[in-house]
N, C-alpha and C. Protein backbone atom coordinates (compact mmCIF):
# COMPACT_ATOMS: atom_id res chain seq x y z
N PHE A 1 -17.09 32.55 183.83
CA PHE A 1 -17.89 33.21 184.83
C PHE A 1 -18.73 34.36 184.26
N MET A 2 -18.59 34.59 182.95
CA MET A 2 -19.35 35.68 182.34
C MET A 2 -20.84 35.44 182.47
N ARG A 3 -21.55 36.50 182.82
CA ARG A 3 -23.01 36.51 182.93
C ARG A 3 -23.56 35.53 183.96
N THR A 4 -22.75 35.13 184.92
CA THR A 4 -23.23 34.19 185.92
C THR A 4 -23.88 34.89 187.10
N GLY A 5 -23.50 36.14 187.37
CA GLY A 5 -24.02 36.84 188.54
C GLY A 5 -23.42 36.33 189.83
N ASP A 6 -22.31 35.65 189.76
CA ASP A 6 -21.65 35.07 190.93
C ASP A 6 -20.99 36.18 191.75
N GLU A 7 -21.56 36.47 192.90
CA GLU A 7 -21.06 37.54 193.78
C GLU A 7 -19.66 37.26 194.29
N GLY A 8 -19.34 36.00 194.52
CA GLY A 8 -18.01 35.64 195.02
C GLY A 8 -16.92 36.00 194.02
N VAL A 9 -17.13 35.65 192.78
CA VAL A 9 -16.16 35.97 191.73
C VAL A 9 -16.12 37.48 191.53
N ALA A 10 -17.29 38.11 191.48
CA ALA A 10 -17.38 39.55 191.25
C ALA A 10 -16.68 40.34 192.36
N SER A 11 -16.73 39.85 193.59
CA SER A 11 -16.10 40.57 194.70
C SER A 11 -14.58 40.64 194.54
N HIS A 12 -13.99 39.64 193.88
CA HIS A 12 -12.54 39.65 193.64
C HIS A 12 -12.16 40.66 192.56
N LEU A 13 -13.14 41.08 191.77
CA LEU A 13 -12.87 41.98 190.66
C LEU A 13 -13.24 43.44 190.96
N ARG A 14 -13.75 43.70 192.14
CA ARG A 14 -14.17 45.06 192.49
C ARG A 14 -12.98 46.03 192.51
N VAL A 15 -13.31 47.31 192.36
CA VAL A 15 -12.31 48.38 192.46
C VAL A 15 -11.81 48.41 193.90
N PRO A 16 -10.51 48.59 194.11
CA PRO A 16 -9.99 48.66 195.48
C PRO A 16 -10.70 49.73 196.30
N SER A 17 -11.02 49.39 197.54
CA SER A 17 -11.77 50.33 198.38
C SER A 17 -10.95 50.85 199.56
N THR A 18 -9.66 50.55 199.58
CA THR A 18 -8.79 51.08 200.62
C THR A 18 -7.60 51.77 199.97
N HIS A 19 -6.98 52.69 200.70
CA HIS A 19 -5.81 53.39 200.17
C HIS A 19 -4.68 52.41 199.88
N PHE A 20 -4.49 51.46 200.77
CA PHE A 20 -3.41 50.49 200.59
C PHE A 20 -3.60 49.72 199.29
N ALA A 21 -4.81 49.19 199.07
CA ALA A 21 -5.08 48.42 197.85
C ALA A 21 -5.00 49.31 196.61
N LEU A 22 -5.44 50.55 196.75
CA LEU A 22 -5.42 51.47 195.62
C LEU A 22 -3.99 51.79 195.18
N GLU A 23 -3.08 51.89 196.13
CA GLU A 23 -1.69 52.19 195.81
C GLU A 23 -1.01 51.04 195.07
N HIS A 24 -1.56 49.84 195.17
CA HIS A 24 -0.95 48.68 194.53
C HIS A 24 -1.70 48.25 193.27
N ALA A 25 -2.59 49.11 192.78
CA ALA A 25 -3.33 48.81 191.56
C ALA A 25 -3.06 49.90 190.53
N ARG A 26 -2.64 49.50 189.35
CA ARG A 26 -2.44 50.48 188.29
C ARG A 26 -3.79 51.07 187.90
N PRO A 27 -3.85 52.39 187.68
CA PRO A 27 -5.13 53.02 187.33
C PRO A 27 -5.79 52.43 186.09
N ASP A 28 -5.00 52.08 185.07
CA ASP A 28 -5.62 51.52 183.87
C ASP A 28 -6.18 50.12 184.13
N PHE A 29 -5.65 49.41 185.09
CA PHE A 29 -6.21 48.11 185.45
C PHE A 29 -7.53 48.27 186.20
N ILE A 30 -7.74 49.41 186.81
CA ILE A 30 -9.02 49.67 187.48
C ILE A 30 -10.14 49.69 186.44
N LEU A 31 -9.86 50.28 185.28
CA LEU A 31 -10.82 50.27 184.18
C LEU A 31 -11.17 48.83 183.82
N LEU A 32 -10.16 47.98 183.70
CA LEU A 32 -10.39 46.58 183.34
C LEU A 32 -11.13 45.82 184.45
N ARG A 33 -10.87 46.17 185.69
CA ARG A 33 -11.58 45.52 186.81
C ARG A 33 -13.06 45.82 186.75
N VAL A 34 -13.41 47.07 186.45
CA VAL A 34 -14.82 47.45 186.36
C VAL A 34 -15.49 46.69 185.22
N VAL A 35 -14.82 46.60 184.07
CA VAL A 35 -15.38 45.87 182.94
C VAL A 35 -15.54 44.39 183.29
N ALA A 36 -14.52 43.78 183.89
CA ALA A 36 -14.59 42.37 184.25
C ALA A 36 -15.70 42.10 185.27
N HIS A 37 -15.80 42.99 186.27
CA HIS A 37 -16.87 42.86 187.27
C HIS A 37 -18.24 42.93 186.59
N SER A 38 -18.38 43.84 185.65
CA SER A 38 -19.65 44.00 184.96
C SER A 38 -19.97 42.81 184.05
N LEU A 39 -18.94 42.19 183.46
CA LEU A 39 -19.18 41.01 182.64
C LEU A 39 -19.71 39.86 183.48
N VAL A 40 -19.25 39.76 184.71
CA VAL A 40 -19.76 38.72 185.61
C VAL A 40 -21.18 39.08 186.06
N MET A 41 -21.38 40.34 186.44
CA MET A 41 -22.68 40.79 186.94
C MET A 41 -23.51 41.44 185.82
N TRP A 42 -23.54 40.80 184.67
CA TRP A 42 -24.13 41.32 183.44
C TRP A 42 -25.55 41.84 183.62
N ASN A 43 -26.38 41.11 184.30
CA ASN A 43 -27.80 41.49 184.44
C ASN A 43 -28.01 42.67 185.39
N SER A 44 -26.98 43.07 186.11
CA SER A 44 -27.14 44.21 187.02
C SER A 44 -26.80 45.54 186.35
N ILE A 45 -26.31 45.50 185.11
CA ILE A 45 -25.95 46.74 184.41
C ILE A 45 -27.23 47.49 184.04
N ARG A 46 -27.27 48.76 184.40
CA ARG A 46 -28.41 49.62 184.09
C ARG A 46 -27.91 50.83 183.30
N PRO A 47 -28.72 51.35 182.38
CA PRO A 47 -28.25 52.46 181.53
C PRO A 47 -28.45 53.84 182.17
N THR A 48 -28.07 53.97 183.41
CA THR A 48 -28.30 55.23 184.12
C THR A 48 -27.00 55.78 184.70
N MET A 49 -27.00 57.08 184.97
CA MET A 49 -25.85 57.70 185.62
C MET A 49 -25.67 57.13 187.02
N GLU A 50 -26.75 56.79 187.68
CA GLU A 50 -26.65 56.21 189.03
C GLU A 50 -25.85 54.92 189.00
N TRP A 51 -26.09 54.09 187.98
CA TRP A 51 -25.34 52.84 187.88
C TRP A 51 -23.86 53.13 187.61
N VAL A 52 -23.59 54.08 186.74
CA VAL A 52 -22.19 54.42 186.43
C VAL A 52 -21.48 54.85 187.70
N TRP A 53 -22.10 55.74 188.47
CA TRP A 53 -21.47 56.24 189.70
C TRP A 53 -21.42 55.17 190.79
N SER A 54 -22.31 54.18 190.72
CA SER A 54 -22.30 53.11 191.73
C SER A 54 -21.07 52.22 191.63
N ASN A 55 -20.34 52.32 190.54
CA ASN A 55 -19.11 51.53 190.38
C ASN A 55 -17.93 52.13 191.13
N LEU A 56 -18.11 53.30 191.71
CA LEU A 56 -17.05 53.94 192.50
C LEU A 56 -17.22 53.56 193.96
N PRO A 57 -16.18 53.02 194.59
CA PRO A 57 -16.27 52.79 196.03
C PRO A 57 -16.23 54.14 196.76
N PRO A 58 -16.64 54.20 198.01
CA PRO A 58 -16.67 55.48 198.75
C PRO A 58 -15.34 56.23 198.70
N LEU A 59 -14.24 55.52 198.66
CA LEU A 59 -12.92 56.14 198.59
C LEU A 59 -12.76 57.03 197.36
N LEU A 60 -13.40 56.65 196.26
CA LEU A 60 -13.25 57.39 195.00
C LEU A 60 -14.39 58.35 194.72
N ARG A 61 -15.33 58.47 195.61
CA ARG A 61 -16.47 59.37 195.38
C ARG A 61 -16.16 60.79 195.83
N VAL A 62 -15.15 61.36 195.24
CA VAL A 62 -14.79 62.75 195.51
C VAL A 62 -15.00 63.53 194.23
N SER A 63 -15.20 64.81 194.37
CA SER A 63 -15.46 65.66 193.22
C SER A 63 -14.16 66.01 192.51
N LEU A 64 -14.20 65.96 191.19
CA LEU A 64 -13.06 66.39 190.38
C LEU A 64 -13.30 67.79 189.84
N GLU A 65 -14.41 68.37 190.22
CA GLU A 65 -14.76 69.68 189.69
C GLU A 65 -13.91 70.77 190.31
N PRO A 66 -13.79 71.92 189.63
CA PRO A 66 -12.92 72.99 190.11
C PRO A 66 -13.43 73.71 191.35
N PRO A 67 -12.70 74.71 191.81
CA PRO A 67 -12.73 75.36 193.09
C PRO A 67 -13.97 75.31 193.97
N GLY A 68 -15.17 75.44 193.43
CA GLY A 68 -16.33 75.44 194.30
C GLY A 68 -16.36 74.23 195.22
N ASP A 69 -15.99 73.08 194.68
CA ASP A 69 -16.02 71.85 195.45
C ASP A 69 -14.64 71.43 195.95
N LEU A 70 -13.62 72.21 195.61
CA LEU A 70 -12.25 71.81 195.92
C LEU A 70 -12.04 71.61 197.41
N GLU A 71 -12.45 72.57 198.21
CA GLU A 71 -12.22 72.46 199.65
C GLU A 71 -12.93 71.24 200.23
N ALA A 72 -14.18 71.04 199.82
CA ALA A 72 -14.92 69.87 200.32
C ALA A 72 -14.24 68.57 199.89
N SER A 73 -13.76 68.53 198.65
CA SER A 73 -13.08 67.34 198.16
C SER A 73 -11.79 67.09 198.92
N MET A 74 -11.04 68.16 199.17
CA MET A 74 -9.78 68.01 199.90
C MET A 74 -10.05 67.53 201.33
N ARG A 75 -11.07 68.10 201.97
CA ARG A 75 -11.42 67.66 203.33
C ARG A 75 -11.84 66.20 203.32
N ALA A 76 -12.63 65.81 202.31
CA ALA A 76 -13.11 64.43 202.23
C ALA A 76 -11.93 63.47 202.07
N THR A 77 -10.98 63.80 201.20
CA THR A 77 -9.85 62.90 201.01
C THR A 77 -8.95 62.89 202.24
N GLU A 78 -8.82 64.04 202.90
CA GLU A 78 -8.02 64.07 204.13
C GLU A 78 -8.69 63.23 205.21
N ASP A 79 -10.03 63.35 205.33
CA ASP A 79 -10.76 62.54 206.31
C ASP A 79 -10.56 61.05 206.04
N LEU A 80 -10.63 60.67 204.76
CA LEU A 80 -10.40 59.27 204.41
C LEU A 80 -8.99 58.84 204.79
N GLY A 81 -8.03 59.72 204.58
CA GLY A 81 -6.65 59.41 204.92
C GLY A 81 -6.45 59.26 206.41
N VAL A 82 -7.10 60.13 207.20
CA VAL A 82 -6.99 60.05 208.65
C VAL A 82 -7.60 58.74 209.14
N ARG A 83 -8.76 58.39 208.58
CA ARG A 83 -9.39 57.13 208.99
C ARG A 83 -8.54 55.94 208.59
N ALA A 84 -7.86 56.06 207.44
CA ALA A 84 -7.02 54.96 206.98
C ALA A 84 -5.69 54.93 207.72
N GLY A 85 -5.37 56.01 208.43
CA GLY A 85 -4.15 56.03 209.22
C GLY A 85 -2.93 56.49 208.47
N GLY A 86 -3.09 57.27 207.42
CA GLY A 86 -1.92 57.72 206.68
C GLY A 86 -2.21 58.87 205.75
N ALA A 87 -1.24 59.20 204.95
CA ALA A 87 -1.39 60.29 203.99
C ALA A 87 -2.23 59.83 202.81
N VAL A 88 -2.80 60.80 202.12
CA VAL A 88 -3.67 60.51 200.99
C VAL A 88 -2.93 60.82 199.69
N ASP A 89 -2.92 59.89 198.78
CA ASP A 89 -2.35 60.12 197.46
C ASP A 89 -3.48 60.61 196.56
N ARG A 90 -3.61 61.93 196.48
CA ARG A 90 -4.72 62.53 195.72
C ARG A 90 -4.64 62.18 194.24
N GLU A 91 -3.43 62.08 193.71
CA GLU A 91 -3.30 61.76 192.29
C GLU A 91 -3.82 60.35 192.00
N ALA A 92 -3.50 59.41 192.87
CA ALA A 92 -4.00 58.03 192.69
C ALA A 92 -5.52 58.00 192.75
N ILE A 93 -6.10 58.77 193.65
CA ILE A 93 -7.56 58.81 193.77
C ILE A 93 -8.18 59.40 192.51
N ALA A 94 -7.63 60.50 192.02
CA ALA A 94 -8.17 61.15 190.83
C ALA A 94 -8.03 60.24 189.61
N GLN A 95 -6.88 59.60 189.44
CA GLN A 95 -6.66 58.71 188.30
C GLN A 95 -7.60 57.49 188.37
N ALA A 96 -7.72 56.90 189.53
CA ALA A 96 -8.60 55.75 189.69
C ALA A 96 -10.05 56.13 189.45
N HIS A 97 -10.43 57.33 189.88
CA HIS A 97 -11.79 57.83 189.71
C HIS A 97 -12.19 57.84 188.23
N VAL A 98 -11.37 58.48 187.39
CA VAL A 98 -11.74 58.58 185.98
C VAL A 98 -11.64 57.23 185.27
N HIS A 99 -10.68 56.40 185.66
CA HIS A 99 -10.59 55.08 185.02
C HIS A 99 -11.78 54.20 185.39
N ALA A 100 -12.24 54.28 186.63
CA ALA A 100 -13.41 53.49 187.03
C ALA A 100 -14.66 53.96 186.27
N LEU A 101 -14.80 55.27 186.09
CA LEU A 101 -15.94 55.79 185.33
C LEU A 101 -15.86 55.35 183.87
N ALA A 102 -14.66 55.38 183.29
CA ALA A 102 -14.49 54.94 181.91
C ALA A 102 -14.81 53.45 181.77
N GLY A 103 -14.41 52.65 182.76
CA GLY A 103 -14.73 51.23 182.75
C GLY A 103 -16.24 50.99 182.81
N ALA A 104 -16.92 51.79 183.60
CA ALA A 104 -18.38 51.67 183.68
C ALA A 104 -19.01 52.04 182.34
N CYS A 105 -18.46 53.05 181.68
CA CYS A 105 -18.96 53.43 180.35
C CYS A 105 -18.78 52.29 179.36
N MET A 106 -17.61 51.67 179.38
CA MET A 106 -17.36 50.56 178.45
C MET A 106 -18.30 49.40 178.72
N SER A 107 -18.54 49.11 179.99
CA SER A 107 -19.46 48.03 180.35
C SER A 107 -20.86 48.33 179.84
N LEU A 108 -21.28 49.57 180.00
CA LEU A 108 -22.59 50.00 179.51
C LEU A 108 -22.67 49.86 177.99
N GLY A 109 -21.59 50.23 177.30
CA GLY A 109 -21.55 50.10 175.85
C GLY A 109 -21.62 48.65 175.40
N LEU A 110 -20.95 47.76 176.12
CA LEU A 110 -21.00 46.34 175.77
C LEU A 110 -22.38 45.75 176.02
N ARG A 111 -22.98 46.12 177.13
CA ARG A 111 -24.30 45.57 177.50
C ARG A 111 -25.39 46.00 176.52
N TYR A 112 -25.34 47.24 176.09
CA TYR A 112 -26.40 47.77 175.23
C TYR A 112 -25.95 47.95 173.78
N ALA A 113 -24.92 47.23 173.37
CA ALA A 113 -24.38 47.34 172.01
C ALA A 113 -25.45 47.01 170.97
N GLY A 114 -25.58 47.92 170.00
CA GLY A 114 -26.51 47.72 168.90
C GLY A 114 -27.97 47.91 169.22
N THR A 115 -28.30 48.30 170.44
CA THR A 115 -29.71 48.44 170.83
C THR A 115 -30.27 49.82 170.55
N ALA A 116 -29.42 50.82 170.40
CA ALA A 116 -29.85 52.22 170.24
C ALA A 116 -30.72 52.66 171.42
N ASP A 117 -30.45 52.10 172.59
CA ASP A 117 -31.19 52.46 173.80
C ASP A 117 -30.97 53.94 174.11
N ALA A 118 -32.04 54.70 174.17
CA ALA A 118 -31.95 56.15 174.34
C ALA A 118 -31.35 56.54 175.69
N THR A 119 -31.70 55.82 176.74
CA THR A 119 -31.16 56.13 178.07
C THR A 119 -29.67 55.84 178.14
N ALA A 120 -29.26 54.69 177.59
CA ALA A 120 -27.84 54.35 177.58
C ALA A 120 -27.06 55.36 176.74
N ALA A 121 -27.60 55.75 175.59
CA ALA A 121 -26.92 56.72 174.74
C ALA A 121 -26.79 58.06 175.43
N ALA A 122 -27.84 58.50 176.11
CA ALA A 122 -27.79 59.79 176.82
C ALA A 122 -26.77 59.75 177.96
N THR A 123 -26.73 58.64 178.66
CA THR A 123 -25.77 58.48 179.76
C THR A 123 -24.34 58.52 179.22
N LEU A 124 -24.09 57.77 178.17
CA LEU A 124 -22.75 57.73 177.59
C LEU A 124 -22.35 59.06 176.95
N ARG A 125 -23.31 59.73 176.34
CA ARG A 125 -23.03 61.04 175.76
C ARG A 125 -22.65 62.03 176.86
N GLU A 126 -23.37 61.99 177.97
CA GLU A 126 -23.07 62.87 179.11
C GLU A 126 -21.68 62.58 179.68
N MET A 127 -21.33 61.31 179.82
CA MET A 127 -20.02 60.96 180.35
C MET A 127 -18.91 61.35 179.37
N THR A 128 -19.14 61.16 178.08
CA THR A 128 -18.14 61.55 177.08
C THR A 128 -17.89 63.06 177.15
N LEU A 129 -18.95 63.83 177.21
CA LEU A 129 -18.81 65.28 177.29
C LEU A 129 -18.16 65.71 178.60
N ARG A 130 -18.43 64.99 179.67
CA ARG A 130 -17.78 65.30 180.96
C ARG A 130 -16.27 65.09 180.86
N PHE A 131 -15.85 63.99 180.24
CA PHE A 131 -14.42 63.74 180.04
C PHE A 131 -13.80 64.79 179.12
N VAL A 132 -14.52 65.19 178.08
CA VAL A 132 -14.01 66.21 177.16
C VAL A 132 -13.82 67.53 177.90
N ARG A 133 -14.78 67.89 178.76
CA ARG A 133 -14.64 69.14 179.55
C ARG A 133 -13.44 69.08 180.48
N LEU A 134 -13.25 67.94 181.14
CA LEU A 134 -12.08 67.78 182.01
C LEU A 134 -10.79 67.91 181.20
N LYS A 135 -10.78 67.32 180.02
CA LYS A 135 -9.59 67.37 179.17
C LYS A 135 -9.31 68.80 178.71
N SER A 136 -10.34 69.54 178.35
CA SER A 136 -10.13 70.92 177.89
C SER A 136 -9.66 71.81 179.04
N ARG A 137 -10.14 71.56 180.24
CA ARG A 137 -9.66 72.33 181.40
C ARG A 137 -8.21 71.99 181.71
N CYS A 138 -7.87 70.73 181.51
CA CYS A 138 -6.48 70.30 181.73
C CYS A 138 -5.56 70.98 180.73
N LYS A 139 -6.02 71.12 179.48
CA LYS A 139 -5.20 71.69 178.42
C LYS A 139 -4.90 73.17 178.66
N ASP A 140 -5.94 73.93 179.08
CA ASP A 140 -5.70 75.36 179.25
C ASP A 140 -5.25 75.74 180.65
N GLY A 141 -5.10 74.74 181.52
CA GLY A 141 -4.56 74.99 182.86
C GLY A 141 -5.52 75.67 183.81
N SER A 142 -6.81 75.75 183.44
CA SER A 142 -7.76 76.47 184.27
C SER A 142 -8.41 75.60 185.33
N HIS A 143 -8.09 74.33 185.35
CA HIS A 143 -8.75 73.43 186.31
C HIS A 143 -8.04 73.49 187.64
N GLY A 144 -8.81 73.76 188.70
CA GLY A 144 -8.18 73.87 190.01
C GLY A 144 -8.58 72.78 190.97
N GLY A 145 -9.49 71.89 190.60
CA GLY A 145 -9.94 70.84 191.49
C GLY A 145 -9.00 69.65 191.48
N LEU A 146 -9.48 68.55 192.01
CA LEU A 146 -8.69 67.33 191.99
C LEU A 146 -8.43 66.87 190.56
N GLY A 147 -9.27 67.34 189.63
CA GLY A 147 -9.08 67.00 188.23
C GLY A 147 -7.76 67.50 187.68
N ALA A 148 -7.15 68.46 188.33
CA ALA A 148 -5.84 68.98 187.89
C ALA A 148 -4.75 67.92 188.05
N LEU A 149 -5.02 66.88 188.81
CA LEU A 149 -4.03 65.83 189.05
C LEU A 149 -4.07 64.74 187.98
N ILE A 150 -4.99 64.88 187.03
CA ILE A 150 -5.12 63.87 185.98
C ILE A 150 -4.38 64.35 184.75
N ASP A 151 -3.51 63.51 184.22
CA ASP A 151 -2.73 63.92 183.05
C ASP A 151 -3.57 63.80 181.77
N ARG A 152 -3.13 64.51 180.77
CA ARG A 152 -3.85 64.58 179.50
C ARG A 152 -4.02 63.21 178.82
N PRO A 153 -2.99 62.37 178.73
CA PRO A 153 -3.18 61.06 178.09
C PRO A 153 -4.25 60.20 178.78
N THR A 154 -4.33 60.30 180.08
CA THR A 154 -5.37 59.55 180.80
C THR A 154 -6.75 60.03 180.38
N LEU A 155 -6.92 61.35 180.31
CA LEU A 155 -8.22 61.88 179.91
C LEU A 155 -8.54 61.55 178.46
N GLU A 156 -7.52 61.53 177.60
CA GLU A 156 -7.76 61.14 176.21
C GLU A 156 -8.21 59.68 176.13
N THR A 157 -7.62 58.83 176.95
CA THR A 157 -8.04 57.43 177.01
C THR A 157 -9.50 57.32 177.45
N CYS A 158 -9.86 58.08 178.48
CA CYS A 158 -11.23 58.04 178.99
C CYS A 158 -12.23 58.57 177.97
N VAL A 159 -11.87 59.64 177.26
CA VAL A 159 -12.74 60.17 176.20
C VAL A 159 -12.92 59.10 175.12
N GLY A 160 -11.83 58.46 174.72
CA GLY A 160 -11.89 57.42 173.70
C GLY A 160 -12.74 56.24 174.11
N VAL A 161 -12.58 55.79 175.34
CA VAL A 161 -13.36 54.64 175.83
C VAL A 161 -14.84 54.99 175.86
N ALA A 162 -15.19 56.16 176.37
CA ALA A 162 -16.60 56.57 176.43
C ALA A 162 -17.18 56.74 175.03
N ALA A 163 -16.40 57.29 174.10
CA ALA A 163 -16.88 57.48 172.73
C ALA A 163 -17.08 56.14 172.03
N VAL A 164 -16.18 55.19 172.25
CA VAL A 164 -16.33 53.86 171.66
C VAL A 164 -17.57 53.17 172.24
N ALA A 165 -17.78 53.31 173.52
CA ALA A 165 -18.97 52.72 174.15
C ALA A 165 -20.24 53.32 173.55
N LEU A 166 -20.26 54.63 173.35
CA LEU A 166 -21.42 55.29 172.73
C LEU A 166 -21.61 54.79 171.31
N SER A 167 -20.52 54.63 170.57
CA SER A 167 -20.64 54.16 169.19
C SER A 167 -21.14 52.71 169.14
N CYS A 168 -20.79 51.90 170.14
CA CYS A 168 -21.31 50.53 170.20
C CYS A 168 -22.82 50.52 170.39
N VAL A 169 -23.29 51.37 171.28
CA VAL A 169 -24.74 51.43 171.54
C VAL A 169 -25.48 51.92 170.31
N MET A 170 -24.94 52.93 169.65
CA MET A 170 -25.65 53.55 168.52
C MET A 170 -25.23 52.98 167.16
N ALA A 171 -24.53 51.85 167.14
CA ALA A 171 -24.05 51.25 165.90
C ALA A 171 -25.20 51.01 164.92
N GLY A 172 -24.99 51.47 163.69
CA GLY A 172 -25.96 51.23 162.64
C GLY A 172 -27.12 52.20 162.59
N THR A 173 -27.17 53.18 163.48
CA THR A 173 -28.32 54.09 163.50
C THR A 173 -28.08 55.36 162.72
N GLY A 174 -26.82 55.75 162.54
CA GLY A 174 -26.52 57.02 161.86
C GLY A 174 -26.92 58.21 162.70
N ASP A 175 -26.94 58.04 164.01
CA ASP A 175 -27.34 59.11 164.94
C ASP A 175 -26.35 60.27 164.87
N LEU A 176 -26.84 61.44 164.43
CA LEU A 176 -25.96 62.59 164.26
C LEU A 176 -25.44 63.14 165.57
N ALA A 177 -26.23 63.10 166.61
CA ALA A 177 -25.78 63.62 167.92
C ALA A 177 -24.57 62.82 168.42
N SER A 178 -24.57 61.53 168.17
CA SER A 178 -23.45 60.69 168.59
C SER A 178 -22.22 60.95 167.72
N LEU A 179 -22.43 61.17 166.45
CA LEU A 179 -21.32 61.42 165.54
C LEU A 179 -20.62 62.74 165.83
N ARG A 180 -21.34 63.71 166.33
CA ARG A 180 -20.75 65.01 166.64
C ARG A 180 -19.91 64.91 167.86
């Protein structure tokens, strides 16, 4: 089914969009679901931040940033929980959020591997740095947003996946910005 663009197959591989389905999906498998979905919908991959964020269902579109957005994020997740008829597992949402973004990064890296596409490289560089910032906030304990619910090994995995995707895109170029 790779590169077929078959919506029926791709719909089975989407990230869970309900709390119930999210609770029954391992966060690391969400990364694989995004990659598998993208392999089927190969021609729809775009090298933009908008495409990366489009891989998140509405349930996962909450901010992981610290305090300024914390209250809004908490209200948003509570609202989703009320609509779903139950309590919200904030940790599951935060873990699924970063894994879905990492999966989108890997898909982007596979699609544009060896092309040295400047837009794809900039997008992947931005996502890699975003994961690194989240990881450094996690390490020093200064993160107060939903990102505080993400453990360090998860963030290290996401940094690694985004960095590998960037290296795939920039393979053979000797690009110093990517190497740093």
